[in-house]
Amino acid sequence: MKIRTWIKKTKAGRFFWRVIIGLVGGTVTVLGAIALVGPGPGILIVIAGLGILASEFAWAARVMVHTRSYAQKAADKVGMPKWAQFSLIAIAAVLSIIVILYLYSTGKI
């Protein structure tokens, strides 16, 4: 935590830290979305990416919780196969991130 505290001492450092967390978390989230349709534990990677983003961005925590709960409720009601559940979770996560980034960039949140 010393490095994080040292970097975040200045306004430029805080901005730099948020950019780094955004890049790392966004990359992990996108890789998780790709792993949902390819081989690998995609949902776990998506949740990990959102968890990284949530360490610095409150919206990512909300997206992570809502995405997981809505997808699970929908999958339970419909009785979908696991591959379809994972695909919907990935699509919902990516769309949620895109919408929130758009709203954030336009200053609406």
N, C-alpha and C. Protein backbone atom coordinates (compact mmCIF):
# COMPACT_ATOMS: atom_id res chain seq x y z
N MET A 1 0.81 -1.20 0.00
CA MET A 1 0.00 0.00 0.00
C MET A 1 0.85 1.26 0.00
N LYS A 2 2.11 1.16 0.33
CA LYS A 2 2.94 2.36 0.34
C LYS A 2 3.06 2.97 -1.05
N ILE A 3 3.18 2.14 -2.07
CA ILE A 3 3.31 2.67 -3.43
C ILE A 3 2.03 3.40 -3.82
N ARG A 4 0.90 2.79 -3.51
CA ARG A 4 -0.38 3.43 -3.84
C ARG A 4 -0.53 4.78 -3.14
N THR A 5 -0.19 4.81 -1.87
CA THR A 5 -0.27 6.05 -1.12
C THR A 5 0.69 7.10 -1.67
N TRP A 6 1.89 6.68 -2.02
CA TRP A 6 2.88 7.60 -2.56
C TRP A 6 2.43 8.17 -3.89
N ILE A 7 1.88 7.31 -4.76
CA ILE A 7 1.43 7.77 -6.08
C ILE A 7 0.25 8.73 -5.94
N LYS A 8 -0.65 8.45 -5.02
CA LYS A 8 -1.88 9.24 -4.89
C LYS A 8 -1.72 10.52 -4.08
N LYS A 9 -0.49 10.91 -3.77
CA LYS A 9 -0.28 12.14 -3.00
C LYS A 9 -0.66 13.39 -3.78
N THR A 10 -0.46 13.39 -5.08
CA THR A 10 -0.75 14.56 -5.90
C THR A 10 -1.97 14.30 -6.77
N LYS A 11 -2.51 15.39 -7.31
CA LYS A 11 -3.67 15.27 -8.20
C LYS A 11 -3.29 14.49 -9.46
N ALA A 12 -2.11 14.76 -10.00
CA ALA A 12 -1.64 14.04 -11.19
C ALA A 12 -1.43 12.56 -10.87
N GLY A 13 -0.93 12.27 -9.69
CA GLY A 13 -0.73 10.89 -9.26
C GLY A 13 -2.05 10.14 -9.15
N ARG A 14 -3.06 10.80 -8.59
CA ARG A 14 -4.39 10.16 -8.49
C ARG A 14 -4.95 9.87 -9.87
N PHE A 15 -4.79 10.82 -10.78
CA PHE A 15 -5.27 10.62 -12.15
C PHE A 15 -4.51 9.46 -12.81
N PHE A 16 -3.19 9.44 -12.65
CA PHE A 16 -2.37 8.37 -13.21
C PHE A 16 -2.79 7.02 -12.66
N TRP A 17 -3.02 6.95 -11.35
CA TRP A 17 -3.42 5.70 -10.72
C TRP A 17 -4.76 5.21 -11.28
N ARG A 18 -5.72 6.13 -11.44
CA ARG A 18 -7.03 5.74 -11.98
C ARG A 18 -6.91 5.25 -13.42
N VAL A 19 -6.04 5.88 -14.20
CA VAL A 19 -5.83 5.44 -15.58
C VAL A 19 -5.25 4.03 -15.60
N ILE A 20 -4.25 3.78 -14.76
CA ILE A 20 -3.62 2.46 -14.71
C ILE A 20 -4.63 1.40 -14.27
N ILE A 21 -5.39 1.68 -13.22
CA ILE A 21 -6.41 0.73 -12.76
C ILE A 21 -7.45 0.51 -13.84
N GLY A 22 -7.86 1.57 -14.52
CA GLY A 22 -8.84 1.44 -15.60
C GLY A 22 -8.32 0.57 -16.74
N LEU A 23 -7.08 0.76 -17.11
CA LEU A 23 -6.49 -0.04 -18.20
C LEU A 23 -6.35 -1.51 -17.80
N VAL A 24 -5.83 -1.76 -16.62
CA VAL A 24 -5.65 -3.14 -16.17
C VAL A 24 -7.00 -3.83 -15.99
N GLY A 25 -7.91 -3.18 -15.28
CA GLY A 25 -9.23 -3.77 -15.04
C GLY A 25 -10.02 -3.96 -16.32
N GLY A 26 -9.96 -2.97 -17.22
CA GLY A 26 -10.66 -3.09 -18.50
C GLY A 26 -10.10 -4.21 -19.35
N THR A 27 -8.78 -4.35 -19.35
CA THR A 27 -8.15 -5.43 -20.13
C THR A 27 -8.55 -6.79 -19.59
N VAL A 28 -8.52 -6.96 -18.28
CA VAL A 28 -8.91 -8.24 -17.68
C VAL A 28 -10.38 -8.54 -17.97
N THR A 29 -11.24 -7.52 -17.89
CA THR A 29 -12.66 -7.71 -18.16
C THR A 29 -12.90 -8.13 -19.60
N VAL A 30 -12.23 -7.48 -20.53
CA VAL A 30 -12.39 -7.84 -21.95
C VAL A 30 -11.86 -9.24 -22.20
N LEU A 31 -10.73 -9.59 -21.61
CA LEU A 31 -10.20 -10.95 -21.76
C LEU A 31 -11.17 -11.99 -21.19
N GLY A 32 -11.83 -11.63 -20.10
CA GLY A 32 -12.84 -12.52 -19.53
C GLY A 32 -14.03 -12.69 -20.46
N ALA A 33 -14.45 -11.61 -21.11
CA ALA A 33 -15.56 -11.71 -22.07
C ALA A 33 -15.17 -12.59 -23.24
N ILE A 34 -13.94 -12.50 -23.67
CA ILE A 34 -13.46 -13.37 -24.76
C ILE A 34 -13.40 -14.81 -24.28
N ALA A 35 -12.98 -15.03 -23.04
CA ALA A 35 -12.89 -16.39 -22.51
C ALA A 35 -14.26 -17.03 -22.32
N LEU A 36 -15.31 -16.22 -22.27
CA LEU A 36 -16.65 -16.80 -22.15
C LEU A 36 -17.03 -17.59 -23.39
N VAL A 37 -16.64 -17.11 -24.54
CA VAL A 37 -16.97 -17.83 -25.77
C VAL A 37 -15.86 -18.78 -26.18
N GLY A 38 -14.69 -18.60 -25.65
CA GLY A 38 -13.57 -19.49 -25.92
C GLY A 38 -13.34 -20.37 -24.70
N PRO A 39 -12.22 -21.06 -24.70
CA PRO A 39 -11.92 -21.91 -23.53
C PRO A 39 -11.45 -21.07 -22.35
N GLY A 40 -11.87 -21.45 -21.18
CA GLY A 40 -11.42 -20.75 -19.99
C GLY A 40 -12.56 -20.37 -19.07
N PRO A 41 -12.22 -20.01 -17.85
CA PRO A 41 -13.24 -19.63 -16.86
C PRO A 41 -13.64 -18.17 -17.04
N GLY A 42 -14.38 -17.88 -18.09
CA GLY A 42 -14.71 -16.51 -18.47
C GLY A 42 -15.39 -15.70 -17.40
N ILE A 43 -16.40 -16.25 -16.76
CA ILE A 43 -17.16 -15.47 -15.78
C ILE A 43 -16.27 -15.07 -14.61
N LEU A 44 -15.38 -15.95 -14.21
CA LEU A 44 -14.48 -15.62 -13.12
C LEU A 44 -13.52 -14.50 -13.51
N ILE A 45 -13.07 -14.52 -14.76
CA ILE A 45 -12.17 -13.48 -15.23
C ILE A 45 -12.90 -12.15 -15.35
N VAL A 46 -14.15 -12.18 -15.84
CA VAL A 46 -14.94 -10.94 -15.92
C VAL A 46 -15.15 -10.35 -14.53
N ILE A 47 -15.53 -11.19 -13.59
CA ILE A 47 -15.75 -10.72 -12.22
C ILE A 47 -14.44 -10.19 -11.63
N ALA A 48 -13.32 -10.84 -11.93
CA ALA A 48 -12.02 -10.36 -11.45
C ALA A 48 -11.70 -8.99 -12.04
N GLY A 49 -11.96 -8.81 -13.34
CA GLY A 49 -11.72 -7.51 -13.98
C GLY A 49 -12.58 -6.42 -13.38
N LEU A 50 -13.84 -6.74 -13.14
CA LEU A 50 -14.73 -5.76 -12.51
C LEU A 50 -14.30 -5.49 -11.07
N GLY A 51 -13.76 -6.52 -10.41
CA GLY A 51 -13.25 -6.32 -9.06
C GLY A 51 -12.06 -5.38 -9.03
N ILE A 52 -11.18 -5.51 -10.02
CA ILE A 52 -10.04 -4.59 -10.13
C ILE A 52 -10.56 -3.17 -10.35
N LEU A 53 -11.50 -3.03 -11.27
CA LEU A 53 -12.07 -1.70 -11.52
C LEU A 53 -12.78 -1.15 -10.29
N ALA A 54 -13.44 -2.04 -9.55
CA ALA A 54 -14.19 -1.61 -8.37
C ALA A 54 -13.28 -1.10 -7.26
N SER A 55 -11.99 -1.45 -7.31
CA SER A 55 -11.07 -0.94 -6.29
C SER A 55 -10.89 0.57 -6.41
N GLU A 56 -11.21 1.13 -7.57
CA GLU A 56 -11.02 2.56 -7.78
C GLU A 56 -12.29 3.27 -8.26
N PHE A 57 -13.22 2.54 -8.86
CA PHE A 57 -14.42 3.14 -9.43
C PHE A 57 -15.67 2.52 -8.80
N ALA A 58 -16.50 3.34 -8.18
CA ALA A 58 -17.71 2.85 -7.51
C ALA A 58 -18.69 2.25 -8.52
N TRP A 59 -18.75 2.80 -9.72
CA TRP A 59 -19.68 2.29 -10.72
C TRP A 59 -19.37 0.84 -11.07
N ALA A 60 -18.11 0.44 -11.04
CA ALA A 60 -17.75 -0.93 -11.39
C ALA A 60 -18.28 -1.92 -10.36
N ALA A 61 -18.29 -1.52 -9.11
CA ALA A 61 -18.85 -2.39 -8.06
C ALA A 61 -20.34 -2.59 -8.28
N ARG A 62 -21.02 -1.52 -8.62
CA ARG A 62 -22.46 -1.63 -8.88
C ARG A 62 -22.72 -2.50 -10.10
N VAL A 63 -21.94 -2.31 -11.14
CA VAL A 63 -22.10 -3.13 -12.36
C VAL A 63 -21.85 -4.59 -12.06
N MET A 64 -20.83 -4.86 -11.28
CA MET A 64 -20.48 -6.24 -10.96
C MET A 64 -21.62 -6.94 -10.22
N VAL A 65 -22.17 -6.27 -9.24
CA VAL A 65 -23.24 -6.86 -8.44
C VAL A 65 -24.50 -7.04 -9.29
N HIS A 66 -24.89 -6.01 -10.02
CA HIS A 66 -26.11 -6.10 -10.82
C HIS A 66 -25.98 -7.11 -11.96
N THR A 67 -24.87 -7.12 -12.62
CA THR A 67 -24.67 -8.05 -13.73
C THR A 67 -24.78 -9.48 -13.25
N ARG A 68 -24.12 -9.78 -12.16
CA ARG A 68 -24.13 -11.14 -11.64
C ARG A 68 -25.53 -11.55 -11.18
N SER A 69 -26.22 -10.68 -10.47
CA SER A 69 -27.53 -11.05 -9.94
C SER A 69 -28.59 -11.16 -11.03
N TYR A 70 -28.61 -10.20 -11.96
CA TYR A 70 -29.60 -10.26 -13.04
C TYR A 70 -29.40 -11.47 -13.94
N ALA A 71 -28.19 -11.76 -14.27
CA ALA A 71 -27.93 -12.90 -15.14
C ALA A 71 -28.30 -14.21 -14.46
N GLN A 72 -28.01 -14.33 -13.18
CA GLN A 72 -28.33 -15.56 -12.47
C GLN A 72 -29.84 -15.73 -12.33
N LYS A 73 -30.55 -14.65 -12.04
CA LYS A 73 -32.02 -14.73 -11.93
C LYS A 73 -32.64 -15.13 -13.27
N ALA A 74 -32.18 -14.52 -14.33
CA ALA A 74 -32.72 -14.83 -15.65
C ALA A 74 -32.43 -16.27 -16.04
N ALA A 75 -31.23 -16.72 -15.77
CA ALA A 75 -30.85 -18.08 -16.12
C ALA A 75 -31.64 -19.11 -15.32
N ASP A 76 -31.90 -18.80 -14.05
CA ASP A 76 -32.68 -19.72 -13.21
C ASP A 76 -34.12 -19.83 -13.71
N LYS A 77 -34.70 -18.72 -14.14
CA LYS A 77 -36.08 -18.74 -14.62
C LYS A 77 -36.24 -19.50 -15.92
N VAL A 78 -35.28 -19.36 -16.80
CA VAL A 78 -35.40 -19.92 -18.14
C VAL A 78 -34.89 -21.36 -18.21
N GLY A 79 -33.96 -21.72 -17.36
CA GLY A 79 -33.37 -23.05 -17.41
C GLY A 79 -32.40 -23.19 -18.57
N MET A 80 -31.57 -22.20 -18.78
CA MET A 80 -30.64 -22.18 -19.89
C MET A 80 -29.44 -23.09 -19.64
N PRO A 81 -28.83 -23.56 -20.73
CA PRO A 81 -27.57 -24.28 -20.56
C PRO A 81 -26.47 -23.33 -20.08
N LYS A 82 -25.43 -23.92 -19.49
CA LYS A 82 -24.37 -23.10 -18.91
C LYS A 82 -23.69 -22.20 -19.93
N TRP A 83 -23.46 -22.68 -21.14
CA TRP A 83 -22.76 -21.86 -22.14
C TRP A 83 -23.59 -20.62 -22.48
N ALA A 84 -24.91 -20.76 -22.50
CA ALA A 84 -25.77 -19.61 -22.79
C ALA A 84 -25.77 -18.63 -21.61
N GLN A 85 -25.73 -19.16 -20.39
CA GLN A 85 -25.65 -18.29 -19.22
C GLN A 85 -24.38 -17.46 -19.26
N PHE A 86 -23.27 -18.11 -19.55
CA PHE A 86 -21.99 -17.40 -19.58
C PHE A 86 -21.97 -16.36 -20.69
N SER A 87 -22.55 -16.68 -21.82
CA SER A 87 -22.58 -15.72 -22.93
C SER A 87 -23.40 -14.49 -22.57
N LEU A 88 -24.54 -14.69 -21.97
CA LEU A 88 -25.37 -13.56 -21.56
C LEU A 88 -24.69 -12.70 -20.50
N ILE A 89 -24.01 -13.34 -19.58
CA ILE A 89 -23.30 -12.59 -18.55
C ILE A 89 -22.21 -11.73 -19.18
N ALA A 90 -21.49 -12.31 -20.13
CA ALA A 90 -20.42 -11.55 -20.80
C ALA A 90 -20.98 -10.37 -21.57
N ILE A 91 -22.03 -10.60 -22.31
CA ILE A 91 -22.64 -9.53 -23.10
C ILE A 91 -23.18 -8.43 -22.18
N ALA A 92 -23.84 -8.84 -21.11
CA ALA A 92 -24.38 -7.85 -20.17
C ALA A 92 -23.26 -7.05 -19.51
N ALA A 93 -22.18 -7.71 -19.16
CA ALA A 93 -21.07 -7.00 -18.52
C ALA A 93 -20.44 -6.00 -19.48
N VAL A 94 -20.20 -6.44 -20.70
CA VAL A 94 -19.57 -5.55 -21.68
C VAL A 94 -20.49 -4.38 -22.00
N LEU A 95 -21.77 -4.65 -22.21
CA LEU A 95 -22.72 -3.57 -22.49
C LEU A 95 -22.84 -2.60 -21.32
N SER A 96 -22.86 -3.15 -20.11
CA SER A 96 -22.93 -2.29 -18.93
C SER A 96 -21.72 -1.38 -18.83
N ILE A 97 -20.56 -1.93 -19.09
CA ILE A 97 -19.34 -1.13 -19.05
C ILE A 97 -19.38 -0.04 -20.11
N ILE A 98 -19.80 -0.40 -21.31
CA ILE A 98 -19.87 0.58 -22.40
C ILE A 98 -20.84 1.70 -22.06
N VAL A 99 -22.02 1.36 -21.56
CA VAL A 99 -23.02 2.36 -21.22
C VAL A 99 -22.53 3.26 -20.10
N ILE A 100 -21.94 2.67 -19.09
CA ILE A 100 -21.46 3.48 -17.96
C ILE A 100 -20.31 4.37 -18.38
N LEU A 101 -19.40 3.87 -19.19
CA LEU A 101 -18.31 4.71 -19.69
C LEU A 101 -18.84 5.86 -20.53
N TYR A 102 -19.86 5.58 -21.34
CA TYR A 102 -20.47 6.65 -22.14
C TYR A 102 -21.11 7.70 -21.24
N LEU A 103 -21.89 7.25 -20.26
CA LEU A 103 -22.53 8.19 -19.35
C LEU A 103 -21.50 8.98 -18.54
N TYR A 104 -20.43 8.33 -18.16
CA TYR A 104 -19.38 9.00 -17.41
C TYR A 104 -18.67 10.02 -18.27
N SER A 105 -18.41 9.68 -19.53
CA SER A 105 -17.69 10.60 -20.41
C SER A 105 -18.54 11.81 -20.79
N THR A 106 -19.86 11.65 -20.81
CA THR A 106 -20.74 12.78 -21.11
C THR A 106 -21.09 13.59 -19.87
N GLY A 107 -20.64 13.14 -18.70
CA GLY A 107 -20.87 13.87 -17.47
C GLY A 107 -22.22 13.64 -16.84
N LYS A 108 -22.92 12.60 -17.25
CA LYS A 108 -24.25 12.34 -16.68
C LYS A 108 -24.19 11.56 -15.39
N ILE A 109 -23.04 10.96 -15.08
CA ILE A 109 -22.87 10.31 -13.77
C ILE A 109 -21.55 10.73 -13.18
